Protein backbone atom coordinates (compact mmCIF):
# COMPACT_ATOMS: atom_id res chain seq x y z
CA MET A 1 92.73 -64.08 205.70
CA PRO A 2 91.19 -63.92 208.75
CA LEU A 3 86.97 -65.67 209.03
CA ASP A 4 85.73 -62.19 209.96
CA GLU A 5 87.83 -60.24 207.16
CA ILE A 6 86.08 -62.99 204.52
CA GLN A 7 83.11 -62.95 205.95
CA THR A 8 83.24 -58.89 205.16
CA GLU A 9 84.17 -59.19 201.94
CA LEU A 10 81.12 -61.81 201.03
CA GLY A 11 78.72 -59.48 202.41
CA ALA A 12 80.08 -56.39 200.38
CA ASP A 13 79.84 -58.80 197.36
CA ARG A 14 76.26 -59.71 198.06
CA GLN A 15 75.50 -56.00 198.66
CA GLU A 16 76.88 -55.47 195.07
CA LEU A 17 74.85 -57.95 193.48
CA THR A 18 71.60 -56.88 195.26
CA ASN A 19 72.42 -53.34 194.44
CA LYS A 20 73.10 -54.17 190.83
CA VAL A 21 69.31 -56.39 190.81
CA ASP A 22 67.37 -53.18 192.41
CA LEU A 23 68.66 -51.43 190.04
CA LEU A 24 67.88 -53.91 186.32
CA ASN A 25 64.51 -53.88 188.36
CA ALA A 26 63.99 -50.06 188.91
CA ARG A 27 65.25 -49.84 185.16
CA PHE A 28 63.22 -52.55 183.38
CA ARG A 29 60.62 -51.87 185.83
CA HIS A 30 57.85 -51.08 183.09
CA HIS A 31 60.00 -53.23 179.94
CA SER A 32 58.71 -55.73 177.88
CA ALA A 33 60.12 -59.82 178.36
CA THR A 34 62.10 -58.99 175.26
CA ASP A 35 63.65 -55.70 176.56
CA VAL A 36 64.54 -57.78 179.93
CA MET A 37 66.05 -60.67 177.36
CA HIS A 38 68.17 -57.65 175.95
CA GLY A 39 69.54 -56.52 179.50
CA ALA A 40 70.43 -59.61 181.07
CA LEU A 41 71.86 -61.05 178.12
CA GLU A 42 74.12 -57.98 177.32
CA GLU A 43 74.10 -56.47 181.33
CA ALA A 44 74.16 -60.07 184.03
CA GLY A 45 77.47 -61.26 183.32
CA ASP A 46 78.15 -64.66 181.72
CA ILE A 47 74.25 -65.89 181.61
CA ALA A 48 72.50 -69.34 180.26
CA LEU A 49 68.84 -70.07 179.79
CA VAL A 50 67.85 -73.08 181.49
CA SER A 51 65.09 -74.54 179.48
CA SER A 52 63.15 -77.46 180.17
CA PHE A 53 61.72 -77.49 176.85
CA GLY A 54 58.11 -77.73 178.10
CA ALA A 55 54.73 -76.22 177.52
CA GLU A 56 55.67 -73.08 177.35
CA SER A 57 59.56 -73.22 177.34
CA VAL A 58 59.25 -72.28 173.03
CA VAL A 59 59.04 -68.66 174.00
CA LEU A 60 61.98 -67.79 175.76
CA LEU A 61 64.01 -69.71 173.51
CA HIS A 62 62.62 -68.35 170.64
CA MET A 63 63.39 -64.47 172.03
CA ALA A 64 66.92 -66.22 172.68
CA ALA A 65 67.70 -67.38 169.60
CA VAL A 66 66.18 -63.90 167.76
CA ILE A 67 68.93 -61.65 170.04
CA ASP A 68 71.80 -64.29 169.60
CA LYS A 69 71.29 -67.50 168.52
CA SER A 70 74.58 -69.06 170.48
CA THR A 71 73.07 -67.90 174.08
CA PRO A 72 73.99 -70.93 176.57
CA VAL A 73 70.70 -73.24 176.53
CA LEU A 74 70.68 -75.78 179.20
CA PHE A 75 68.44 -78.67 179.30
CA VAL A 76 68.37 -81.39 182.11
CA ASP A 77 67.74 -84.89 181.03
CA THR A 78 66.48 -86.14 184.19
CA GLN A 79 65.89 -89.63 182.12
CA MET A 80 62.68 -89.75 183.27
CA LEU A 81 61.25 -87.40 180.44
CA PHE A 82 58.35 -87.88 178.36
CA ALA A 83 59.58 -89.50 175.18
CA GLU A 84 57.70 -86.54 173.36
CA THR A 85 59.65 -84.12 174.98
CA LEU A 86 63.16 -85.77 173.86
CA VAL A 87 61.69 -85.59 170.35
CA TYR A 88 60.11 -81.93 171.01
CA GLN A 89 63.59 -80.74 172.16
CA GLN A 90 65.36 -81.79 169.07
CA ASP A 91 62.64 -80.37 166.72
CA VAL A 92 62.73 -76.49 168.57
CA SER A 93 66.57 -76.82 168.61
CA GLU A 94 66.68 -77.53 165.00
CA ARG A 95 63.99 -75.16 164.19
CA LEU A 96 65.38 -71.96 165.96
CA GLY A 97 69.08 -73.01 164.82
CA LEU A 98 70.19 -73.05 168.89
CA LYS A 99 73.84 -73.10 168.28
CA ASN A 100 75.17 -73.68 172.32
CA LEU A 101 72.94 -76.39 173.24
CA ARG A 102 74.13 -78.10 176.76
CA ILE A 103 72.46 -81.22 177.45
CA ILE A 104 72.64 -82.10 181.39
CA ARG A 105 72.69 -85.22 182.70
CA ALA A 106 73.00 -86.46 186.67
CA ASP A 107 76.64 -88.38 187.05
CA GLN A 108 75.94 -91.81 186.49
CA ASP A 109 77.80 -92.73 189.57
CA ASP A 110 75.60 -90.70 191.63
CA ILE A 111 72.29 -92.82 190.11
CA ASP A 112 74.00 -96.23 190.40
CA ARG A 113 74.40 -95.50 194.30
CA ASP A 114 70.90 -93.34 195.11
CA ASP A 115 68.56 -95.05 192.58
CA PRO A 116 69.94 -97.78 190.61
CA TYR A 117 66.41 -99.19 189.98
CA GLY A 118 64.98 -96.07 188.98
CA ALA A 119 62.04 -96.20 191.81
CA LEU A 120 63.51 -93.16 194.12
CA ASN A 121 60.22 -91.57 192.54
CA SER A 122 57.99 -93.55 193.98
CA HIS A 123 58.87 -92.89 197.56
CA ASP A 124 60.72 -89.42 197.88
CA THR A 125 59.96 -87.26 194.88
CA ASP A 126 62.00 -84.51 196.57
CA ALA A 127 65.18 -86.95 196.61
CA CYS A 128 64.38 -87.97 193.20
CA CYS A 129 64.56 -84.35 192.06
CA MET A 130 67.32 -83.55 193.87
CA LEU A 131 69.25 -86.35 192.30
CA ARG A 132 68.48 -86.24 188.42
CA LYS A 133 67.90 -82.32 188.26
CA THR A 134 68.77 -79.34 190.75
CA LEU A 135 72.38 -81.15 191.98
CA PRO A 136 73.34 -81.58 187.64
CA LEU A 137 72.08 -78.26 187.35
CA GLN A 138 73.55 -76.38 189.92
CA ARG A 139 77.19 -78.20 188.74
CA ALA A 140 76.27 -77.14 185.12
CA LEU A 141 75.85 -73.32 186.73
CA SER A 142 78.64 -73.12 188.39
CA GLY A 143 80.80 -71.19 185.51
CA TYR A 144 78.13 -68.98 185.51
CA ASP A 145 76.94 -65.13 186.59
CA GLY A 146 73.25 -66.07 186.12
CA TRP A 147 70.75 -67.79 184.49
CA ILE A 148 67.52 -66.91 182.76
CA THR A 149 63.88 -68.76 183.56
CA GLY A 150 60.59 -69.03 182.52
CA ARG A 151 58.58 -68.76 185.87
CA LYS A 152 55.65 -66.36 186.18
CA ARG A 153 53.65 -64.78 188.67
CA PHE A 154 50.51 -66.93 187.64
CA GLN A 155 52.10 -70.46 187.67
CA SER A 156 51.96 -70.57 191.80
CA GLY A 157 51.60 -68.93 195.14
CA THR A 158 55.32 -69.64 195.66
CA ARG A 159 55.89 -67.29 192.03
CA SER A 160 52.91 -64.64 193.37
CA GLU A 161 55.41 -61.66 193.92
CA LEU A 162 58.22 -62.88 191.29
CA ASN A 163 60.05 -60.12 189.95
CA PHE A 164 62.11 -59.62 186.91
CA PHE A 165 65.70 -60.29 188.33
CA GLU A 166 66.47 -61.90 191.73
CA VAL A 167 69.58 -62.65 193.65
CA GLU A 168 69.84 -66.54 193.89
CA ASP A 169 71.17 -66.31 197.92
CA GLY A 170 74.09 -69.04 198.81
CA THR A 171 75.24 -68.95 194.85
CA GLY A 172 75.70 -65.08 194.20
CA ARG A 173 73.99 -65.83 190.82
CA ILE A 174 71.47 -63.74 189.31
CA LYS A 175 68.46 -65.07 188.37
CA VAL A 176 66.25 -63.30 185.31
CA ASN A 177 62.31 -63.93 184.93
CA PRO A 178 61.49 -62.11 181.66
CA LEU A 179 58.44 -63.59 181.99
CA ALA A 180 57.27 -63.23 184.85
CA HIS A 181 54.31 -60.59 184.65
CA TRP A 182 52.59 -62.59 181.71
CA ALA A 183 49.25 -64.25 181.77
CA PRO A 184 48.38 -67.14 179.81
CA ASP A 185 46.98 -65.39 177.08
CA ASP A 186 50.47 -63.39 176.53
CA VAL A 187 51.98 -66.79 176.20
CA ARG A 188 49.14 -67.97 173.69
CA ALA A 189 49.83 -64.74 171.79
CA TYR A 190 53.30 -64.69 171.37
CA MET A 191 53.33 -68.45 169.78
CA GLU A 192 50.55 -67.91 167.76
CA GLU A 193 52.06 -64.68 166.18
CA ASN A 194 55.73 -66.07 166.05
CA ARG A 195 54.05 -69.51 164.61
CA LEU A 196 55.98 -71.87 167.38
CA PRO A 197 55.00 -75.16 167.59
CA ARG A 198 53.84 -76.59 170.73
CA HIS A 199 54.66 -79.06 172.70
CA PRO A 200 52.97 -82.35 171.81
CA MET A 201 51.70 -82.87 175.54
CA VAL A 202 49.55 -79.91 175.46
CA ALA A 203 46.58 -81.54 173.33
CA LYS A 204 46.74 -84.34 175.64
CA GLY A 205 45.72 -82.10 178.51
CA TYR A 206 49.43 -81.87 180.02
CA PRO A 207 49.68 -77.50 180.60
CA SER A 208 52.49 -78.00 182.29
CA ILE A 209 55.24 -80.63 181.35
CA GLY A 210 57.88 -82.52 183.95
CA CYS A 211 58.84 -86.10 184.53
CA ALA A 212 56.57 -88.88 182.93
CA PRO A 213 55.75 -90.69 185.97
CA CYS A 214 54.98 -87.49 188.32
CA THR A 215 53.38 -85.55 185.77
CA SER A 216 49.34 -86.12 185.06
CA PRO A 217 46.59 -84.63 182.72
CA VAL A 218 44.91 -81.62 183.95
CA LYS A 219 41.36 -81.44 184.02
CA GLU A 220 39.76 -78.31 183.00
CA GLY A 221 39.17 -75.74 185.84
CA GLU A 222 41.64 -76.97 187.54
CA ASP A 223 45.13 -75.39 187.89
CA PRO A 224 47.33 -75.42 184.98
CA ARG A 225 50.49 -76.75 187.41
CA ALA A 226 47.95 -79.53 189.02
CA GLY A 227 49.09 -82.45 187.34
CA ARG A 228 52.62 -81.72 188.65
CA TRP A 229 53.53 -84.21 191.69
CA ARG A 230 49.52 -84.41 191.97
CA ASN A 231 48.13 -85.32 195.52
CA GLU A 232 51.66 -84.26 197.36
CA THR A 233 51.86 -80.83 198.59
CA LYS A 234 55.31 -80.16 196.06
CA GLU A 235 54.94 -77.20 193.98
CA GLU A 236 58.51 -76.91 192.67
CA CYS A 237 61.28 -79.67 191.49
CA GLY A 238 63.74 -78.13 193.43
CA ILE A 239 66.07 -75.96 190.59
CA HIS A 240 64.57 -72.97 192.91
CA PHE A 241 65.36 -73.57 196.22
CA VAL A 242 68.35 -73.48 198.23
CA ASP A 243 69.19 -75.73 201.22
CA GLY A 244 65.56 -76.22 200.87
CA LYS A 245 63.90 -73.07 201.05
CA MET A 246 62.36 -70.86 198.32
CA VAL A 247 64.66 -68.19 197.09
CA ARG A 248 63.58 -64.65 196.31
CA VAL A 249 66.23 -61.88 197.18
CA GLY A 250 66.55 -58.79 195.38
CA ALA A 251 64.21 -55.52 194.46
CA LYS A 252 61.24 -55.19 196.08
CA THR A 253 59.36 -53.02 193.01
């Protein structure tokens, strides 16, 4: 097929996906997070829930388990996580009865080549995130039509206009953010009402939990994500970027 025809076909596919996302955002604009989760699992194609098993992850995991315990759950083990996160992941998975948990890790050959001593994070956090989290996740997602995230508008400036549904530029996948409009009190209330287990690091001053070398406790009054890559301008690990740029394409609701 000639290049111009290929480009035309790709453009048509992208427009079709954008139209679908626009319709989904319009339809679920005033609906609950649970409704959005239902819509994602029933209407967004073959979709996976990506979970860090961090401070607030249990909310979405519980919603998915209530709807369908066989929902694919992708957990990226960067091999630099807190031991408490690994224990918590096992505990939550067992309690919720998750039947389709997939643990994702970087290719060992890639680690041997790019980070043989496990010190890449000390001088290039972006490269470390790319190696241990972003690339493994992108490979794992290659067979899916979309994925569900736990991002929320209140978490950072880059998320302040987050929609429920997005088109992930460069991949042709739909990204779903059921908790986009939730506030911290909503998260706490849901966890309490459903008696969900809390990540043990939260009680130690970690409201946002990533890899151990790049996560520090947060002081009272600080932004909840202040402990992530402290003293750096970095706000995201990179899994929500394509070609180094923040991606947010879709409905303008």
